[in-house]
N, C-alpha and C. Protein backbone atom coordinates (compact mmCIF):
# COMPACT_ATOMS: atom_id res chain seq x y z
N MET A 1 -31.78 29.79 -29.41
CA MET A 1 -32.74 29.20 -28.48
C MET A 1 -32.43 27.72 -28.24
N LYS A 2 -32.10 27.00 -29.33
CA LYS A 2 -31.77 25.59 -29.18
C LYS A 2 -30.53 25.41 -28.31
N LYS A 3 -29.56 26.30 -28.50
CA LYS A 3 -28.33 26.22 -27.71
C LYS A 3 -28.64 26.37 -26.22
N MET A 4 -29.54 27.28 -25.90
CA MET A 4 -29.90 27.50 -24.51
C MET A 4 -30.60 26.27 -23.93
N LEU A 5 -31.51 25.67 -24.69
CA LEU A 5 -32.20 24.47 -24.22
C LEU A 5 -31.22 23.32 -24.01
N TYR A 6 -30.29 23.14 -24.94
CA TYR A 6 -29.28 22.10 -24.79
C TYR A 6 -28.40 22.36 -23.57
N SER A 7 -28.07 23.61 -23.34
CA SER A 7 -27.26 23.96 -22.18
C SER A 7 -27.99 23.65 -20.88
N ILE A 8 -29.26 23.97 -20.83
CA ILE A 8 -30.07 23.69 -19.64
C ILE A 8 -30.18 22.18 -19.43
N ALA A 9 -30.45 21.44 -20.50
CA ALA A 9 -30.55 19.98 -20.40
C ALA A 9 -29.24 19.38 -19.92
N TYR A 10 -28.12 19.87 -20.43
CA TYR A 10 -26.81 19.38 -20.01
C TYR A 10 -26.59 19.67 -18.52
N PHE A 11 -26.91 20.88 -18.09
CA PHE A 11 -26.73 21.28 -16.70
C PHE A 11 -27.57 20.40 -15.76
N VAL A 12 -28.81 20.15 -16.13
CA VAL A 12 -29.69 19.30 -15.32
C VAL A 12 -29.13 17.88 -15.27
N SER A 13 -28.65 17.37 -16.39
CA SER A 13 -28.07 16.02 -16.43
C SER A 13 -26.86 15.91 -15.50
N VAL A 14 -26.01 16.91 -15.52
CA VAL A 14 -24.84 16.92 -14.65
C VAL A 14 -25.27 16.92 -13.19
N LEU A 15 -26.25 17.71 -12.84
CA LEU A 15 -26.75 17.76 -11.45
C LEU A 15 -27.29 16.41 -11.02
N VAL A 16 -28.04 15.76 -11.89
CA VAL A 16 -28.62 14.45 -11.56
C VAL A 16 -27.50 13.44 -11.32
N VAL A 17 -26.52 13.40 -12.19
CA VAL A 17 -25.41 12.46 -12.04
C VAL A 17 -24.64 12.74 -10.75
N MET A 18 -24.40 13.99 -10.44
CA MET A 18 -23.66 14.35 -9.23
C MET A 18 -24.43 13.97 -7.97
N SER A 19 -25.72 14.15 -7.97
CA SER A 19 -26.51 13.85 -6.78
C SER A 19 -26.64 12.36 -6.54
N CYS A 20 -26.54 11.55 -7.57
CA CYS A 20 -26.64 10.10 -7.42
C CYS A 20 -25.41 9.51 -6.74
N GLY A 21 -24.30 10.18 -6.78
CA GLY A 21 -23.07 9.66 -6.23
C GLY A 21 -22.91 9.85 -4.74
N LYS A 22 -23.77 10.59 -4.10
CA LYS A 22 -23.62 10.88 -2.68
C LYS A 22 -24.24 9.75 -1.86
N GLU A 23 -23.44 9.19 -0.95
CA GLU A 23 -23.95 8.17 -0.05
C GLU A 23 -24.32 8.83 1.27
N VAL A 24 -25.44 8.43 1.81
CA VAL A 24 -25.87 8.94 3.10
C VAL A 24 -25.35 7.98 4.16
N LYS A 25 -24.63 8.51 5.14
CA LYS A 25 -24.07 7.69 6.20
C LYS A 25 -25.18 7.25 7.15
N THR A 26 -25.25 5.95 7.39
CA THR A 26 -26.22 5.43 8.35
C THR A 26 -25.49 4.72 9.48
N GLU A 27 -26.19 4.59 10.59
CA GLU A 27 -25.69 3.84 11.74
C GLU A 27 -26.77 2.87 12.17
N LYS A 28 -26.37 1.89 12.97
CA LYS A 28 -27.34 0.94 13.52
C LYS A 28 -27.31 1.04 15.03
N ALA A 29 -28.49 1.00 15.61
CA ALA A 29 -28.62 1.01 17.07
C ALA A 29 -29.40 -0.22 17.48
N ILE A 30 -29.02 -0.79 18.59
CA ILE A 30 -29.78 -1.90 19.16
C ILE A 30 -30.44 -1.37 20.42
N VAL A 31 -31.76 -1.48 20.46
CA VAL A 31 -32.54 -0.98 21.59
C VAL A 31 -33.20 -2.16 22.29
N LYS A 32 -33.03 -2.24 23.60
CA LYS A 32 -33.68 -3.29 24.40
C LYS A 32 -35.15 -2.91 24.60
N ILE A 33 -36.02 -3.86 24.30
CA ILE A 33 -37.46 -3.65 24.48
C ILE A 33 -37.98 -4.82 25.32
N PRO A 34 -37.84 -4.73 26.64
CA PRO A 34 -38.12 -5.87 27.51
C PRO A 34 -39.57 -6.33 27.53
N THR A 35 -40.50 -5.50 27.13
CA THR A 35 -41.91 -5.90 27.21
C THR A 35 -42.50 -6.29 25.86
N SER A 36 -41.69 -6.39 24.82
CA SER A 36 -42.23 -6.83 23.53
C SER A 36 -42.48 -8.33 23.59
N ILE A 37 -43.69 -8.74 23.20
CA ILE A 37 -44.11 -10.12 23.37
C ILE A 37 -44.45 -10.80 22.05
N CYS A 38 -45.19 -10.09 21.21
CA CYS A 38 -45.77 -10.74 20.04
C CYS A 38 -45.59 -9.90 18.77
N GLY A 39 -46.12 -10.40 17.69
CA GLY A 39 -46.04 -9.69 16.42
C GLY A 39 -46.74 -8.34 16.46
N GLU A 40 -47.81 -8.25 17.22
CA GLU A 40 -48.52 -6.98 17.36
C GLU A 40 -47.63 -5.94 18.03
N CYS A 41 -46.87 -6.37 19.04
CA CYS A 41 -45.91 -5.48 19.70
C CYS A 41 -44.89 -4.99 18.68
N ALA A 42 -44.34 -5.92 17.92
CA ALA A 42 -43.32 -5.57 16.92
C ALA A 42 -43.87 -4.57 15.91
N ASN A 43 -45.10 -4.79 15.44
CA ASN A 43 -45.71 -3.87 14.47
C ASN A 43 -45.92 -2.48 15.06
N THR A 44 -46.37 -2.42 16.30
CA THR A 44 -46.60 -1.12 16.96
C THR A 44 -45.28 -0.36 17.10
N ILE A 45 -44.24 -1.04 17.53
CA ILE A 45 -42.94 -0.41 17.71
C ILE A 45 -42.38 0.05 16.37
N LYS A 46 -42.44 -0.83 15.37
CA LYS A 46 -41.92 -0.49 14.05
C LYS A 46 -42.65 0.72 13.47
N THR A 47 -43.97 0.75 13.59
CA THR A 47 -44.76 1.87 13.07
C THR A 47 -44.37 3.17 13.75
N ALA A 48 -44.20 3.14 15.06
CA ALA A 48 -43.84 4.35 15.81
C ALA A 48 -42.47 4.87 15.40
N VAL A 49 -41.51 3.98 15.26
CA VAL A 49 -40.15 4.41 14.92
C VAL A 49 -40.05 4.87 13.47
N MET A 50 -40.74 4.20 12.57
CA MET A 50 -40.68 4.56 11.15
C MET A 50 -41.27 5.94 10.87
N LYS A 51 -42.06 6.48 11.78
CA LYS A 51 -42.62 7.83 11.61
C LYS A 51 -41.56 8.92 11.76
N LEU A 52 -40.43 8.58 12.37
CA LEU A 52 -39.37 9.56 12.57
C LEU A 52 -38.60 9.79 11.28
N ASP A 53 -38.16 11.03 11.07
CA ASP A 53 -37.29 11.33 9.93
C ASP A 53 -35.95 10.64 10.14
N GLY A 54 -35.38 10.14 9.07
CA GLY A 54 -34.05 9.57 9.14
C GLY A 54 -33.98 8.09 9.47
N ILE A 55 -35.12 7.44 9.58
CA ILE A 55 -35.13 6.00 9.87
C ILE A 55 -35.13 5.25 8.54
N LYS A 56 -34.19 4.32 8.41
CA LYS A 56 -34.08 3.53 7.18
C LYS A 56 -34.73 2.16 7.33
N ASN A 57 -34.54 1.52 8.49
CA ASN A 57 -35.08 0.18 8.68
C ASN A 57 -35.26 -0.10 10.17
N VAL A 58 -36.29 -0.88 10.48
CA VAL A 58 -36.54 -1.29 11.86
C VAL A 58 -36.84 -2.78 11.85
N ASP A 59 -36.12 -3.54 12.68
CA ASP A 59 -36.36 -4.97 12.81
C ASP A 59 -36.51 -5.27 14.30
N VAL A 60 -37.71 -5.69 14.69
CA VAL A 60 -38.00 -5.98 16.09
C VAL A 60 -38.05 -7.50 16.26
N ASN A 61 -37.25 -8.02 17.18
CA ASN A 61 -37.23 -9.45 17.47
C ASN A 61 -37.82 -9.65 18.86
N THR A 62 -39.02 -10.22 18.92
CA THR A 62 -39.70 -10.39 20.20
C THR A 62 -39.10 -11.53 21.02
N ASP A 63 -38.35 -12.43 20.38
CA ASP A 63 -37.70 -13.51 21.13
C ASP A 63 -36.52 -12.98 21.93
N THR A 64 -35.71 -12.13 21.30
CA THR A 64 -34.54 -11.57 21.99
C THR A 64 -34.86 -10.28 22.73
N LYS A 65 -36.04 -9.73 22.47
CA LYS A 65 -36.48 -8.46 23.08
C LYS A 65 -35.57 -7.30 22.66
N LEU A 66 -35.13 -7.33 21.39
CA LEU A 66 -34.25 -6.30 20.86
C LEU A 66 -34.80 -5.75 19.55
N ALA A 67 -34.55 -4.47 19.31
CA ALA A 67 -34.88 -3.85 18.03
C ALA A 67 -33.58 -3.36 17.41
N MET A 68 -33.36 -3.73 16.15
CA MET A 68 -32.20 -3.25 15.39
C MET A 68 -32.73 -2.15 14.48
N ILE A 69 -32.20 -0.95 14.64
CA ILE A 69 -32.70 0.21 13.91
C ILE A 69 -31.56 0.83 13.11
N GLU A 70 -31.77 0.95 11.80
CA GLU A 70 -30.81 1.63 10.94
C GLU A 70 -31.33 3.04 10.72
N PHE A 71 -30.47 4.03 10.95
CA PHE A 71 -30.91 5.42 10.90
C PHE A 71 -29.80 6.33 10.39
N ILE A 72 -30.19 7.54 10.02
CA ILE A 72 -29.25 8.57 9.59
C ILE A 72 -28.99 9.46 10.80
N PRO A 73 -27.78 9.41 11.37
CA PRO A 73 -27.51 10.16 12.60
C PRO A 73 -27.62 11.67 12.45
N ALA A 74 -27.50 12.18 11.25
CA ALA A 74 -27.66 13.62 11.04
C ALA A 74 -29.12 14.03 11.15
N SER A 75 -30.04 13.06 11.06
CA SER A 75 -31.47 13.37 11.07
C SER A 75 -32.18 13.00 12.36
N VAL A 76 -31.69 12.00 13.07
CA VAL A 76 -32.38 11.52 14.27
C VAL A 76 -31.35 10.97 15.25
N LYS A 77 -31.65 11.12 16.55
CA LYS A 77 -30.77 10.64 17.62
C LYS A 77 -31.36 9.38 18.23
N VAL A 78 -30.51 8.58 18.84
CA VAL A 78 -30.97 7.35 19.50
C VAL A 78 -31.98 7.69 20.59
N SER A 79 -31.78 8.78 21.30
CA SER A 79 -32.72 9.16 22.36
C SER A 79 -34.11 9.46 21.79
N GLU A 80 -34.17 10.00 20.58
CA GLU A 80 -35.47 10.25 19.94
C GLU A 80 -36.14 8.95 19.53
N ILE A 81 -35.34 7.98 19.12
CA ILE A 81 -35.87 6.66 18.78
C ILE A 81 -36.44 6.01 20.04
N GLU A 82 -35.68 6.08 21.13
CA GLU A 82 -36.16 5.54 22.41
C GLU A 82 -37.46 6.22 22.83
N ASP A 83 -37.53 7.53 22.69
CA ASP A 83 -38.74 8.27 23.07
C ASP A 83 -39.95 7.84 22.24
N ALA A 84 -39.75 7.57 20.95
CA ALA A 84 -40.85 7.11 20.10
C ALA A 84 -41.37 5.76 20.58
N ILE A 85 -40.45 4.89 20.97
CA ILE A 85 -40.85 3.57 21.49
C ILE A 85 -41.59 3.72 22.81
N VAL A 86 -41.07 4.56 23.69
CA VAL A 86 -41.70 4.82 24.99
C VAL A 86 -43.12 5.36 24.80
N MET A 87 -43.28 6.29 23.87
CA MET A 87 -44.60 6.89 23.64
C MET A 87 -45.56 5.94 22.94
N SER A 88 -45.05 4.81 22.43
CA SER A 88 -45.94 3.81 21.83
C SER A 88 -46.38 2.78 22.87
N GLY A 89 -45.86 2.89 24.10
CA GLY A 89 -46.32 2.02 25.18
C GLY A 89 -45.33 0.96 25.63
N TYR A 90 -44.09 1.05 25.17
CA TYR A 90 -43.09 0.04 25.52
C TYR A 90 -41.87 0.70 26.15
N GLY A 91 -41.20 -0.03 27.03
CA GLY A 91 -39.95 0.44 27.57
C GLY A 91 -38.87 0.34 26.51
N ALA A 92 -37.89 1.23 26.57
CA ALA A 92 -36.79 1.23 25.61
C ALA A 92 -35.49 1.48 26.37
N ASN A 93 -34.60 0.49 26.34
CA ASN A 93 -33.36 0.55 27.11
C ASN A 93 -33.69 0.84 28.57
N ASP A 94 -33.24 1.95 29.13
CA ASP A 94 -33.51 2.23 30.54
C ASP A 94 -34.71 3.16 30.75
N LYS A 95 -35.45 3.43 29.69
CA LYS A 95 -36.61 4.32 29.79
C LYS A 95 -37.89 3.49 29.95
N ALA A 96 -38.73 3.90 30.89
CA ALA A 96 -39.99 3.20 31.14
C ALA A 96 -41.04 3.60 30.11
N ALA A 97 -41.96 2.69 29.87
CA ALA A 97 -43.06 2.93 28.93
C ALA A 97 -43.96 4.05 29.42
N ASN A 98 -44.52 4.80 28.49
CA ASN A 98 -45.52 5.81 28.81
C ASN A 98 -46.78 5.07 29.30
N LYS A 99 -47.23 5.39 30.51
CA LYS A 99 -48.35 4.67 31.13
C LYS A 99 -49.64 4.76 30.32
N GLU A 100 -49.96 5.96 29.81
CA GLU A 100 -51.20 6.13 29.04
C GLU A 100 -51.16 5.30 27.75
N ALA A 101 -50.02 5.31 27.07
CA ALA A 101 -49.88 4.53 25.84
C ALA A 101 -49.92 3.04 26.15
N PHE A 102 -49.30 2.63 27.26
CA PHE A 102 -49.30 1.23 27.67
C PHE A 102 -50.73 0.73 27.88
N GLU A 103 -51.56 1.54 28.53
CA GLU A 103 -52.95 1.15 28.81
C GLU A 103 -53.78 0.99 27.54
N LYS A 104 -53.37 1.63 26.45
CA LYS A 104 -54.11 1.54 25.18
C LYS A 104 -53.67 0.36 24.32
N LEU A 105 -52.62 -0.34 24.73
CA LEU A 105 -52.15 -1.49 23.96
C LEU A 105 -53.16 -2.63 24.03
N PRO A 106 -53.18 -3.50 23.03
CA PRO A 106 -54.04 -4.69 23.10
C PRO A 106 -53.67 -5.53 24.33
N ASP A 107 -54.62 -6.31 24.82
CA ASP A 107 -54.39 -7.12 26.02
C ASP A 107 -53.14 -7.99 25.91
N CYS A 108 -52.92 -8.57 24.73
CA CYS A 108 -51.78 -9.47 24.56
C CYS A 108 -50.44 -8.75 24.69
N CYS A 109 -50.43 -7.45 24.56
CA CYS A 109 -49.18 -6.68 24.58
C CYS A 109 -48.91 -6.00 25.92
N ARG A 110 -49.81 -6.13 26.87
CA ARG A 110 -49.64 -5.43 28.14
C ARG A 110 -48.95 -6.30 29.18
N LYS A 111 -47.64 -6.38 29.05
CA LYS A 111 -46.83 -7.12 30.02
C LYS A 111 -46.02 -6.10 30.79
N GLU A 112 -46.16 -6.13 32.09
CA GLU A 112 -45.40 -5.20 32.94
C GLU A 112 -43.93 -5.61 32.97
N GLU A 113 -43.04 -4.60 33.04
CA GLU A 113 -41.61 -4.87 33.19
C GLU A 113 -41.35 -5.40 34.58
N LYS A 114 -40.38 -6.31 34.67
CA LYS A 114 -40.01 -6.87 35.98
C LYS A 114 -38.79 -6.18 36.52
């Protein structure tokens, strides 16, 4: 019985060590967000994107109007990231903001694209 327990413990240990060595490949995408104005905009965008599977990090810069997103390409596509931003009320790259979501944004965040 002890031999079996030791064997199981050894097997589990080997599995744990093997799984720790695998690196997940990530990529970075830069998404233009022309209507992001303030910190509230950045928080809304970050929250929407972070809800997607495969997102590692989101950094929204309202001065440059760009979002740098680190993601796992096997889990999520750039188009899905853009769609999440669009559905939160902001334009993303060449996609226009969802009108209903835009209308629900705080007053300070409702800047129309030019």
